[in-house]
PDB file of N, CA and C in Angstrom:
ATOM      1  N   MET A   1     -19.928 190.025-120.730  1.00  0.00           N
ATOM      2  CA  MET A   1     -21.302 190.312-121.121  1.00  0.00           C
ATOM      3  C   MET A   1     -22.191 189.113-120.774  1.00  0.00           C
ATOM      4  N   ALA A   2     -23.309 189.399-120.163  1.00  0.00           N
ATOM      5  CA  ALA A   2     -24.271 188.359-119.821  1.00  0.00           C
ATOM      6  C   ALA A   2     -25.219 188.113-120.995  1.00  0.00           C
ATOM      7  N   ASP A   3     -25.725 186.903-121.072  1.00  0.00           N
ATOM      8  CA  ASP A   3     -26.770 186.574-122.036  1.00  0.00           C
ATOM      9  C   ASP A   3     -28.117 186.838-121.381  1.00  0.00           C
ATOM     10  N   ILE A   4     -29.086 187.274-122.165  1.00  0.00           N
ATOM     11  CA  ILE A   4     -30.440 187.516-121.678  1.00  0.00           C
ATOM     12  C   ILE A   4     -31.328 186.381-122.172  1.00  0.00           C
ATOM     13  N   LYS A   5     -32.032 185.731-121.254  1.00  0.00           N
ATOM     14  CA  LYS A   5     -32.975 184.666-121.599  1.00  0.00           C
ATOM     15  C   LYS A   5     -34.343 185.030-121.014  1.00  0.00           C
ATOM     16  N   TYR A   6     -35.351 185.027-121.878  1.00  0.00           N
ATOM     17  CA  TYR A   6     -36.712 185.357-121.464  1.00  0.00           C
ATOM     18  C   TYR A   6     -37.506 184.081-121.209  1.00  0.00           C
ATOM     19  N   SER A   7     -38.232 184.042-120.102  1.00  0.00           N
ATOM     20  CA  SER A   7     -39.153 182.933-119.876  1.00  0.00           C
ATOM     21  C   SER A   7     -40.376 183.127-120.767  1.00  0.00           C
ATOM     22  N   GLN A   8     -41.119 182.057-120.981  1.00  0.00           N
ATOM     23  CA  GLN A   8     -42.368 182.163-121.747  1.00  0.00           C
ATOM     24  C   GLN A   8     -43.321 183.125-121.059  1.00  0.00           C
ATOM     25  N   ALA A   9     -43.361 183.100-119.727  1.00  0.00           N
ATOM     26  CA  ALA A   9     -44.245 183.998-118.979  1.00  0.00           C
ATOM     27  C   ALA A   9     -43.866 185.461-119.221  1.00  0.00           C
ATOM     28  N   ALA A  10     -42.572 185.763-119.254  1.00  0.00           N
ATOM     29  CA  ALA A  10     -42.125 187.143-119.485  1.00  0.00           C
ATOM     30  C   ALA A  10     -42.488 187.602-120.890  1.00  0.00           C
ATOM     31  N   LEU A  11     -42.317 186.724-121.873  1.00  0.00           N
ATOM     32  CA  LEU A  11     -42.697 187.082-123.245  1.00  0.00           C
ATOM     33  C   LEU A  11     -44.196 187.321-123.341  1.00  0.00           C
ATOM     34  N   HIS A  12     -44.960 186.494-122.652  1.00  0.00           N
ATOM     35  CA  HIS A  12     -46.419 186.663-122.614  1.00  0.00           C
ATOM     36  C   HIS A  12     -46.780 187.986-121.914  1.00  0.00           C
ATOM     37  N   ASP A  13     -46.068 188.308-120.839  1.00  0.00           N
ATOM     38  CA  ASP A  13     -46.302 189.570-120.130  1.00  0.00           C
ATOM     39  C   ASP A  13     -46.088 190.761-121.055  1.00  0.00           C
ATOM     40  N   LEU A  14     -44.989 190.741-121.816  1.00  0.00           N
ATOM     41  CA  LEU A  14     -44.704 191.837-122.753  1.00  0.00           C
ATOM     42  C   LEU A  14     -45.805 191.983-123.792  1.00  0.00           C
ATOM     43  N   GLU A  15     -46.247 190.869-124.314  1.00  0.00           N
ATOM     44  CA  GLU A  15     -47.320 190.889-125.310  1.00  0.00           C
ATOM     45  C   GLU A  15     -48.605 191.452-124.695  1.00  0.00           C
ATOM     46  N   ASP A  16     -48.917 191.017-123.468  1.00  0.00           N
ATOM     47  CA  ASP A  16     -50.127 191.508-122.791  1.00  0.00           C
ATOM     48  C   ASP A  16     -50.055 193.010-122.521  1.00  0.00           C
ATOM     49  N   ILE A  17     -48.883 193.486-122.136  1.00  0.00           N
ATOM     50  CA  ILE A  17     -48.704 194.919-121.876  1.00  0.00           C
ATOM     51  C   ILE A  17     -48.977 195.711-123.142  1.00  0.00           C
ATOM     52  N   GLY A  18     -48.347 195.305-124.237  1.00  0.00           N
ATOM     53  CA  GLY A  18     -48.564 195.999-125.507  1.00  0.00           C
ATOM     54  C   GLY A  18     -50.004 195.936-125.959  1.00  0.00           C
ATOM     55  N   ASP A  19     -50.620 194.748-125.858  1.00  0.00           N
ATOM     56  CA  ASP A  19     -52.010 194.585-126.277  1.00  0.00           C
ATOM     57  C   ASP A  19     -52.955 195.437-125.440  1.00  0.00           C
ATOM     58  N   TYR A  20     -52.741 195.459-124.126  1.00  0.00           N
ATOM     59  CA  TYR A  20     -53.621 196.234-123.249  1.00  0.00           C
ATOM     60  C   TYR A  20     -53.569 197.720-123.606  1.00  0.00           C
ATOM     61  N   ILE A  21     -52.377 198.255-123.720  1.00  0.00           N
ATOM     62  CA  ILE A  21     -52.246 199.683-124.015  1.00  0.00           C
ATOM     63  C   ILE A  21     -52.783 199.988-125.409  1.00  0.00           C
ATOM     64  N   ASN A  22     -52.525 199.117-126.355  1.00  0.00           N
ATOM     65  CA  ASN A  22     -52.979 199.320-127.726  1.00  0.00           C
ATOM     66  C   ASN A  22     -54.494 199.178-127.849  1.00  0.00           C
ATOM     67  N   MET A  23     -55.045 198.084-127.346  1.00  0.00           N
ATOM     68  CA  MET A  23     -56.462 197.766-127.553  1.00  0.00           C
ATOM     69  C   MET A  23     -57.384 198.437-126.544  1.00  0.00           C
ATOM     70  N   GLU A  24     -57.049 198.310-125.261  1.00  0.00           N
ATOM     71  CA  GLU A  24     -57.938 198.834-124.215  1.00  0.00           C
ATOM     72  C   GLU A  24     -57.825 200.346-124.069  1.00  0.00           C
ATOM     73  N   LEU A  25     -56.606 200.839-124.100  1.00  0.00           N
ATOM     74  CA  LEU A  25     -56.400 202.283-123.953  1.00  0.00           C
ATOM     75  C   LEU A  25     -56.389 202.986-125.306  1.00  0.00           C
ATOM     76  N   LYS A  26     -56.417 202.188-126.365  1.00  0.00           N
ATOM     77  CA  LYS A  26     -56.471 202.701-127.742  1.00  0.00           C
ATOM     78  C   LYS A  26     -55.344 203.688-128.038  1.00  0.00           C
ATOM     79  N   ASN A  27     -54.135 203.268-127.661  1.00  0.00           N
ATOM     80  CA  ASN A  27     -52.981 204.135-127.859  1.00  0.00           C
ATOM     81  C   ASN A  27     -51.799 203.304-128.366  1.00  0.00           C
ATOM     82  N   PRO A  28     -51.774 203.023-129.678  1.00  0.00           N
ATOM     83  CA  PRO A  28     -50.699 202.183-130.216  1.00  0.00           C
ATOM     84  C   PRO A  28     -49.311 202.792-130.061  1.00  0.00           C
ATOM     85  N   THR A  29     -49.211 204.109-130.105  1.00  0.00           N
ATOM     86  CA  THR A  29     -47.905 204.752-129.936  1.00  0.00           C
ATOM     87  C   THR A  29     -47.377 204.514-128.530  1.00  0.00           C
ATOM     88  N   ALA A  30     -48.244 204.684-127.532  1.00  0.00           N
ATOM     89  CA  ALA A  30     -47.833 204.447-126.142  1.00  0.00           C
ATOM     90  C   ALA A  30     -47.494 202.977-125.929  1.00  0.00           C
ATOM     91  N   ALA A  31     -48.235 202.074-126.579  1.00  0.00           N
ATOM     92  CA  ALA A  31     -47.952 200.644-126.461  1.00  0.00           C
ATOM     93  C   ALA A  31     -46.543 200.347-126.973  1.00  0.00           C
ATOM     94  N   HIS A  32     -46.245 200.841-128.150  1.00  0.00           N
ATOM     95  CA  HIS A  32     -44.912 200.629-128.737  1.00  0.00           C
ATOM     96  C   HIS A  32     -43.827 201.245-127.855  1.00  0.00           C
ATOM     97  N   ASN A  33     -44.039 202.473-127.404  1.00  0.00           N
ATOM     98  CA  ASN A  33     -43.031 203.159-126.588  1.00  0.00           C
ATOM     99  C   ASN A  33     -42.801 202.454-125.256  1.00  0.00           C
ATOM    100  N   THR A  34     -43.874 201.959-124.635  1.00  0.00           N
ATOM    101  CA  THR A  34     -43.747 201.282-123.346  1.00  0.00           C
ATOM    102  C   THR A  34     -42.964 199.984-123.490  1.00  0.00           C
ATOM    103  N   VAL A  35     -43.330 199.170-124.470  1.00  0.00           N
ATOM    104  CA  VAL A  35     -42.630 197.902-124.678  1.00  0.00           C
ATOM    105  C   VAL A  35     -41.167 198.163-125.046  1.00  0.00           C
ATOM    106  N   THR A  36     -40.911 199.157-125.877  1.00  0.00           N
ATOM    107  CA  THR A  36     -39.535 199.507-126.259  1.00  0.00           C
ATOM    108  C   THR A  36     -38.730 199.958-125.045  1.00  0.00           C
ATOM    109  N   ARG A  37     -39.329 200.766-124.183  1.00  0.00           N
ATOM    110  CA  ARG A  37     -38.640 201.245-122.979  1.00  0.00           C
ATOM    111  C   ARG A  37     -38.281 200.070-122.066  1.00  0.00           C
ATOM    112  N   ILE A  38     -39.189 199.110-121.923  1.00  0.00           N
ATOM    113  CA  ILE A  38     -38.912 197.934-121.099  1.00  0.00           C
ATOM    114  C   ILE A  38     -37.770 197.112-121.704  1.00  0.00           C
ATOM    115  N   LEU A  39     -37.833 196.868-123.006  1.00  0.00           N
ATOM    116  CA  LEU A  39     -36.779 196.092-123.667  1.00  0.00           C
ATOM    117  C   LEU A  39     -35.426 196.789-123.589  1.00  0.00           C
ATOM    118  N   ASN A  40     -35.406 198.105-123.713  1.00  0.00           N
ATOM    119  CA  ASN A  40     -34.148 198.855-123.599  1.00  0.00           C
ATOM    120  C   ASN A  40     -33.558 198.741-122.201  1.00  0.00           C
ATOM    121  N   ALA A  41     -34.413 198.774-121.184  1.00  0.00           N
ATOM    122  CA  ALA A  41     -33.933 198.625-119.807  1.00  0.00           C
ATOM    123  C   ALA A  41     -33.348 197.231-119.606  1.00  0.00           C
ATOM    124  N   ILE A  42     -34.013 196.221-120.148  1.00  0.00           N
ATOM    125  CA  ILE A  42     -33.523 194.845-120.031  1.00  0.00           C
ATOM    126  C   ILE A  42     -32.191 194.693-120.749  1.00  0.00           C
ATOM    127  N   ASP A  43     -32.036 195.324-121.892  1.00  0.00           N
ATOM    128  CA  ASP A  43     -30.776 195.243-122.643  1.00  0.00           C
ATOM    129  C   ASP A  43     -29.586 195.733-121.816  1.00  0.00           C
ATOM    130  N   LYS A  44     -29.805 196.677-120.908  1.00  0.00           N
ATOM    131  CA  LYS A  44     -28.718 197.193-120.063  1.00  0.00           C
ATOM    132  C   LYS A  44     -28.178 196.130-119.123  1.00  0.00           C
ATOM    133  N   LEU A  45     -28.987 195.095-118.866  1.00  0.00           N
ATOM    134  CA  LEU A  45     -28.545 194.022-117.973  1.00  0.00           C
ATOM    135  C   LEU A  45     -27.423 193.179-118.585  1.00  0.00           C
ATOM    136  N   GLU A  46     -27.273 193.236-119.903  1.00  0.00           N
ATOM    137  CA  GLU A  46     -26.179 192.502-120.545  1.00  0.00           C
ATOM    138  C   GLU A  46     -24.832 192.945-119.993  1.00  0.00           C
ATOM    139  N   SER A  47     -24.656 194.241-119.817  1.00  0.00           N
ATOM    140  CA  SER A  47     -23.378 194.753-119.329  1.00  0.00           C
ATOM    141  C   SER A  47     -23.384 195.051-117.827  1.00  0.00           C
ATOM    142  N   SER A  48     -24.576 195.146-117.235  1.00  0.00           N
ATOM    143  CA  SER A  48     -24.685 195.447-115.797  1.00  0.00           C
ATOM    144  C   SER A  48     -25.765 194.571-115.157  1.00  0.00           C
ATOM    145  N   PRO A  49     -25.505 193.277-114.980  1.00  0.00           N
ATOM    146  CA  PRO A  49     -26.551 192.379-114.497  1.00  0.00           C
ATOM    147  C   PRO A  49     -27.009 192.639-113.061  1.00  0.00           C
ATOM    148  N   TYR A  50     -26.256 193.421-112.311  1.00  0.00           N
ATOM    149  CA  TYR A  50     -26.648 193.752-110.936  1.00  0.00           C
ATOM    150  C   TYR A  50     -27.309 195.121-110.856  1.00  0.00           C
ATOM    151  N   LEU A  51     -27.728 195.644-111.982  1.00  0.00           N
ATOM    152  CA  LEU A  51     -28.317 196.974-112.061  1.00  0.00           C
ATOM    153  C   LEU A  51     -29.572 197.114-111.198  1.00  0.00           C
ATOM    154  N   GLY A  52     -30.408 196.114-111.191  1.00  0.00           N
ATOM    155  CA  GLY A  52     -31.673 196.183-110.454  1.00  0.00           C
ATOM    156  C   GLY A  52     -31.485 196.010-108.959  1.00  0.00           C
ATOM    157  N   SER A  53     -32.527 196.364-108.227  1.00  0.00           N
ATOM    158  CA  SER A  53     -32.532 196.214-106.770  1.00  0.00           C
ATOM    159  C   SER A  53     -32.797 194.767-106.387  1.00  0.00           C
ATOM    160  N   GLN A  54     -32.299 194.370-105.233  1.00  0.00           N
ATOM    161  CA  GLN A  54     -32.554 193.025-104.731  1.00  0.00           C
ATOM    162  C   GLN A  54     -33.972 192.976-104.166  1.00  0.00           C
ATOM    163  N   LEU A  55     -34.743 192.006-104.598  1.00  0.00           N
ATOM    164  CA  LEU A  55     -36.101 191.856-104.093  1.00  0.00           C
ATOM    165  C   LEU A  55     -36.098 191.426-102.639  1.00  0.00           C
ATOM    166  N   SER A  56     -35.014 190.815-102.179  1.00  0.00           N
ATOM    167  CA  SER A  56     -34.931 190.370-100.782  1.00  0.00           C
ATOM    168  C   SER A  56     -34.972 191.546 -99.804  1.00  0.00           C
ATOM    169  N   ALA A  57     -34.730 192.755-100.272  1.00  0.00           N
ATOM    170  CA  ALA A  57     -34.864 193.931 -99.412  1.00  0.00           C
ATOM    171  C   ALA A  57     -36.334 194.181 -99.064  1.00  0.00           C
ATOM    172  N   ARG A  58     -37.253 193.667 -99.892  1.00  0.00           N
ATOM    173  CA  ARG A  58     -38.695 193.834 -99.670  1.00  0.00           C
ATOM    174  C   ARG A  58     -39.346 192.562 -99.158  1.00  0.00           C
ATOM    175  N   TYR A  59     -38.763 191.424 -99.500  1.00  0.00           N
ATOM    176  CA  TYR A  59     -39.360 190.127 -99.163  1.00  0.00           C
ATOM    177  C   TYR A  59     -38.225 189.146 -98.910  1.00  0.00           C
ATOM    178  N   GLU A  60     -38.097 188.687 -97.667  1.00  0.00           N
ATOM    179  CA  GLU A  60     -36.912 187.909 -97.296  1.00  0.00           C
ATOM    180  C   GLU A  60     -36.801 186.560 -97.999  1.00  0.00           C
ATOM    181  N   ASN A  61     -37.893 186.010 -98.500  1.00  0.00           N
ATOM    182  CA  ASN A  61     -37.854 184.715 -99.186  1.00  0.00           C
ATOM    183  C   ASN A  61     -37.711 184.856-100.700  1.00  0.00           C
ATOM    184  N   ALA A  62     -37.158 185.967-101.151  1.00  0.00           N
ATOM    185  CA  ALA A  62     -37.073 186.253-102.585  1.00  0.00           C
ATOM    186  C   ALA A  62     -35.903 185.583-103.282  1.00  0.00           C
ATOM    187  N   GLY A  63     -35.066 184.907-102.537  1.00  0.00           N
ATOM    188  CA  GLY A  63     -33.921 184.245-103.166  1.00  0.00           C
ATOM    189  C   GLY A  63     -33.020 185.257-103.846  1.00  0.00           C
ATOM    190  N   ASN A  64     -32.603 184.953-105.070  1.00  0.00           N
ATOM    191  CA  ASN A  64     -31.688 185.849-105.778  1.00  0.00           C
ATOM    192  C   ASN A  64     -32.409 186.737-106.803  1.00  0.00           C
ATOM    193  N   TYR A  65     -33.719 186.911-106.627  1.00  0.00           N
ATOM    194  CA  TYR A  65     -34.458 187.788-107.534  1.00  0.00           C
ATOM    195  C   TYR A  65     -34.005 189.239-107.389  1.00  0.00           C
ATOM    196  N   ARG A  66     -33.950 189.887-108.525  1.00  0.00           N
ATOM    197  CA  ARG A  66     -33.711 191.328-108.592  1.00  0.00           C
ATOM    198  C   ARG A  66     -34.831 191.900-109.443  1.00  0.00           C
ATOM    199  N   TYR A  67     -34.978 193.222-109.410  1.00  0.00           N
ATOM    200  CA  TYR A  67     -36.005 193.836-110.246  1.00  0.00           C
ATOM    201  C   TYR A  67     -35.565 195.203-110.730  1.00  0.00           C
ATOM    202  N   LEU A  68     -36.071 195.540-111.907  1.00  0.00           N
ATOM    203  CA  LEU A  68     -35.883 196.863-112.504  1.00  0.00           C
ATOM    204  C   LEU A  68     -37.233 197.554-112.542  1.00  0.00           C
ATOM    205  N   VAL A  69     -37.237 198.839-112.260  1.00  0.00           N
ATOM    206  CA  VAL A  69     -38.447 199.643-112.403  1.00  0.00           C
ATOM    207  C   VAL A  69     -38.398 200.292-113.778  1.00  0.00           C
ATOM    208  N   CYS A  70     -39.441 200.060-114.568  1.00  0.00           N
ATOM    209  CA  CYS A  70     -39.563 200.621-115.924  1.00  0.00           C
ATOM    210  C   CYS A  70     -40.908 201.330-116.005  1.00  0.00           C
ATOM    211  N   GLY A  71     -40.955 202.570-115.572  1.00  0.00           N
ATOM    212  CA  GLY A  71     -42.225 203.283-115.547  1.00  0.00           C
ATOM    213  C   GLY A  71     -43.171 202.602-114.572  1.00  0.00           C
ATOM    214  N   ASN A  72     -44.334 202.168-115.053  1.00  0.00           N
ATOM    215  CA  ASN A  72     -45.331 201.499-114.213  1.00  0.00           C
ATOM    216  C   ASN A  72     -45.103 199.996-114.090  1.00  0.00           C
ATOM    217  N   TYR A  73     -44.039 199.490-114.674  1.00  0.00           N
ATOM    218  CA  TYR A  73     -43.809 198.050-114.739  1.00  0.00           C
ATOM    219  C   TYR A  73     -42.528 197.662-114.006  1.00  0.00           C
ATOM    220  N   LEU A  74     -42.524 196.422-113.533  1.00  0.00           N
ATOM    221  CA  LEU A  74     -41.365 195.865-112.839  1.00  0.00           C
ATOM    222  C   LEU A  74     -40.890 194.637-113.603  1.00  0.00           C
ATOM    223  N   VAL A  75     -39.602 194.590-113.871  1.00  0.00           N
ATOM    224  CA  VAL A  75     -38.987 193.439-114.532  1.00  0.00           C
ATOM    225  C   VAL A  75     -38.298 192.615-113.453  1.00  0.00           C
ATOM    226  N   PHE A  76     -38.743 191.380-113.266  1.00  0.00           N
ATOM    227  CA  PHE A  76     -38.172 190.490-112.261  1.00  0.00           C
ATOM    228  C   PHE A  76     -37.219 189.520-112.947  1.00  0.00           C
ATOM    229  N   TYR A  77     -36.006 189.458-112.413  1.00  0.00           N
ATOM    230  CA  TYR A  77     -34.987 188.620-113.056  1.00  0.00           C
ATOM    231  C   TYR A  77     -34.050 188.024-112.027  1.00  0.00           C
ATOM    232  N   ARG A  78     -33.307 187.003-112.493  1.00  0.00           N
ATOM    233  CA  ARG A  78     -32.270 186.356-111.699  1.00  0.00           C
ATOM    234  C   ARG A  78     -31.002 186.328-112.540  1.00  0.00           C
ATOM    235  N   TYR A  79     -29.889 186.624-111.911  1.00  0.00           N
ATOM    236  CA  TYR A  79     -28.606 186.528-112.605  1.00  0.00           C
ATOM    237  C   TYR A  79     -27.892 185.294-112.114  1.00  0.00           C
ATOM    238  N   GLU A  80     -27.705 184.355-113.028  1.00  0.00           N
ATOM    239  CA  GLU A  80     -26.941 183.140-112.761  1.00  0.00           C
ATOM    240  C   GLU A  80     -25.863 183.101-113.829  1.00  0.00           C
ATOM    241  N   GLU A  81     -24.712 183.629-113.465  1.00  0.00           N
ATOM    242  CA  GLU A  81     -23.626 183.849-114.413  1.00  0.00           C
ATOM    243  C   GLU A  81     -23.448 182.674-115.357  1.00  0.00           C
ATOM    244  N   PRO A  82     -23.444 182.874-116.630  1.00  0.00           N
ATOM    245  CA  PRO A  82     -23.399 184.123-117.386  1.00  0.00           C
ATOM    246  C   PRO A  82     -24.765 184.554-117.947  1.00  0.00           C
ATOM    247  N   VAL A  83     -25.875 184.088-117.336  1.00  0.00           N
ATOM    248  CA  VAL A  83     -27.197 184.328-117.913  1.00  0.00           C
ATOM    249  C   VAL A  83     -28.065 185.161-116.979  1.00  0.00           C
ATOM    250  N   VAL A  84     -28.734 186.168-117.553  1.00  0.00           N
ATOM    251  CA  VAL A  84     -29.776 186.913-116.861  1.00  0.00           C
ATOM    252  C   VAL A  84     -31.102 186.295-117.299  1.00  0.00           C
ATOM    253  N   HIS A  85     -31.826 185.735-116.350  1.00  0.00           N
ATOM    254  CA  HIS A  85     -33.113 185.102-116.632  1.00  0.00           C
ATOM    255  C   HIS A  85     -34.225 186.107-116.344  1.00  0.00           C
ATOM    256  N   ILE A  86     -34.914 186.550-117.375  1.00  0.00           N
ATOM    257  CA  ILE A  86     -36.052 187.462-117.215  1.00  0.00           C
ATOM    258  C   ILE A  86     -37.267 186.580-116.964  1.00  0.00           C
ATOM    259  N   ASP A  87     -37.786 186.610-115.734  1.00  0.00           N
ATOM    260  CA  ASP A  87     -38.861 185.699-115.357  1.00  0.00           C
ATOM    261  C   ASP A  87     -40.251 186.295-115.554  1.00  0.00           C
ATOM    262  N   ARG A  88     -40.448 187.527-115.152  1.00  0.00           N
ATOM    263  CA  ARG A  88     -41.766 188.159-115.285  1.00  0.00           C
ATOM    264  C   ARG A  88     -41.594 189.655-115.496  1.00  0.00           C
ATOM    265  N   ILE A  89     -42.606 190.252-116.120  1.00  0.00           N
ATOM    266  CA  ILE A  89     -42.688 191.697-116.309  1.00  0.00           C
ATOM    267  C   ILE A  89     -44.109 192.070-115.924  1.00  0.00           C
ATOM    268  N   LEU A  90     -44.263 192.733-114.778  1.00  0.00           N
ATOM    269  CA  LEU A  90     -45.587 192.922-114.189  1.00  0.00           C
ATOM    270  C   LEU A  90     -45.876 194.389-113.905  1.00  0.00           C
ATOM    271  N   TYR A  91     -47.150 194.722-113.966  1.00  0.00           N
ATOM    272  CA  TYR A  91     -47.606 196.055-113.590  1.00  0.00           C
ATOM    273  C   TYR A  91     -47.315 196.241-112.108  1.00  0.00           C
ATOM    274  N   GLY A  92     -46.723 197.362-111.753  1.00  0.00           N
ATOM    275  CA  GLY A  92     -46.238 197.587-110.398  1.00  0.00           C
ATOM    276  C   GLY A  92     -47.298 197.612-109.318  1.00  0.00           C
ATOM    277  N   LYS A  93     -48.551 197.850-109.669  1.00  0.00           N
ATOM    278  CA  LYS A  93     -49.607 197.901-108.658  1.00  0.00           C
ATOM    279  C   LYS A  93     -50.284 196.548-108.439  1.00  0.00           C
ATOM    280  N   ARG A  94     -49.862 195.548-109.192  1.00  0.00           N
ATOM    281  CA  ARG A  94     -50.381 194.195-108.964  1.00  0.00           C
ATOM    282  C   ARG A  94     -49.703 193.607-107.737  1.00  0.00           C
ATOM    283  N   ASN A  95     -50.276 192.567-107.195  1.00  0.00           N
ATOM    284  CA  ASN A  95     -49.664 191.879-106.066  1.00  0.00           C
ATOM    285  C   ASN A  95     -48.582 190.941-106.615  1.00  0.00           C
ATOM    286  N   TYR A  96     -47.463 191.537-106.981  1.00  0.00           N
ATOM    287  CA  TYR A  96     -46.416 190.792-107.666  1.00  0.00           C
ATOM    288  C   TYR A  96     -45.779 189.714-106.803  1.00  0.00           C
ATOM    289  N   LEU A  97     -45.744 189.896-105.487  1.00  0.00           N
ATOM    290  CA  LEU A  97     -45.166 188.859-104.631  1.00  0.00           C
ATOM    291  C   LEU A  97     -45.991 187.577-104.707  1.00  0.00           C
ATOM    292  N   SER A  98     -47.304 187.714-104.693  1.00  0.00           N
ATOM    293  CA  SER A  98     -48.160 186.539-104.815  1.00  0.00           C
ATOM    294  C   SER A  98     -48.041 185.904-106.195  1.00  0.00           C
ATOM    295  N   ILE A  99     -47.883 186.720-107.220  1.00  0.00           N
ATOM    296  CA  ILE A  99     -47.723 186.184-108.572  1.00  0.00           C
ATOM    297  C   ILE A  99     -46.413 185.405-108.676  1.00  0.00           C
ATOM    298  N   LEU A 100     -45.358 185.935-108.092  1.00  0.00           N
ATOM    299  CA  LEU A 100     -44.044 185.292-108.171  1.00  0.00           C
ATOM    300  C   LEU A 100     -43.908 184.084-107.248  1.00  0.00           C
ATOM    301  N   PHE A 101     -44.463 184.190-106.031  1.00  0.00           N
ATOM    302  CA  PHE A 101     -44.181 183.197-104.997  1.00  0.00           C
ATOM    303  C   PHE A 101     -45.405 182.481-104.453  1.00  0.00           C
ATOM    304  N   GLY A 102     -46.569 182.706-105.015  1.00  0.00           N
ATOM    305  CA  GLY A 102     -47.782 182.117-104.462  1.00  0.00           C
ATOM    306  C   GLY A 102     -48.304 182.986-103.335  1.00  0.00           C
ATOM    307  N   GLU A 103     -49.052 182.406-102.441  1.00  0.00           N
ATOM    308  CA  GLU A 103     -49.652 183.183-101.351  1.00  0.00           C
ATOM    309  C   GLU A 103     -48.574 183.777-100.444  1.00  0.00           C
ATOM    310  N   VAL A 104     -48.688 185.072-100.211  1.00  0.00           N
ATOM    311  CA  VAL A 104     -47.784 185.800 -99.331  1.00  0.00           C
ATOM    312  C   VAL A 104     -48.648 186.515 -98.313  1.00  0.00           C
ATOM    313  N   SER A 105     -48.375 186.325 -97.010  1.00  0.00           N
ATOM    314  CA  SER A 105     -49.187 186.984 -95.996  1.00  0.00           C
ATOM    315  C   SER A 105     -48.900 188.476 -95.981  1.00  0.00           C
ATOM    316  N   GLU A 106     -49.856 189.255 -95.488  1.00  0.00           N
ATOM    317  CA  GLU A 106     -49.729 190.713 -95.484  1.00  0.00           C
ATOM    318  C   GLU A 106     -48.527 191.181 -94.684  1.00  0.00           C
ATOM    319  N   ASP A 107     -48.182 190.496 -93.587  1.00  0.00           N
ATOM    320  CA  ASP A 107     -47.038 190.938 -92.801  1.00  0.00           C
ATOM    321  C   ASP A 107     -45.707 190.631 -93.473  1.00  0.00           C
ATOM    322  N   GLU A 108     -45.722 189.798 -94.514  1.00  0.00           N
ATOM    323  CA  GLU A 108     -44.494 189.520 -95.284  1.00  0.00           C
ATOM    324  C   GLU A 108     -44.287 190.532 -96.396  1.00  0.00           C
ATOM    325  N   GLU A 109     -45.340 191.247 -96.790  1.00  0.00           N
ATOM    326  CA  GLU A 109     -45.226 192.197 -97.911  1.00  0.00           C
ATOM    327  C   GLU A 109     -44.493 193.440 -97.488  1.00  0.00           C
TER     328      GLU A 109
END
């Protein structure tokens, strides 16, 4: 079994996701359900740390990043045995490559 470790940025991302859905969309039930669905998906990484897709299939400089799709959100993580490092949890339509790696040219996306 792998240990799950959340970065401060990932914890902040989760809080922002819940706050946005709760406050901006005025839907506390959806906020709770979305955050719960993301956390449940992350929990599966304890027993299956290679569950997510390799980000290097989309971006060659992605190193050992993997990602899980959770509805409209992407969970970016690295597995360094015995720890799964949850680095970011981002809305899928954001420019996540630039958020993760800085400036990324259009032909690299």
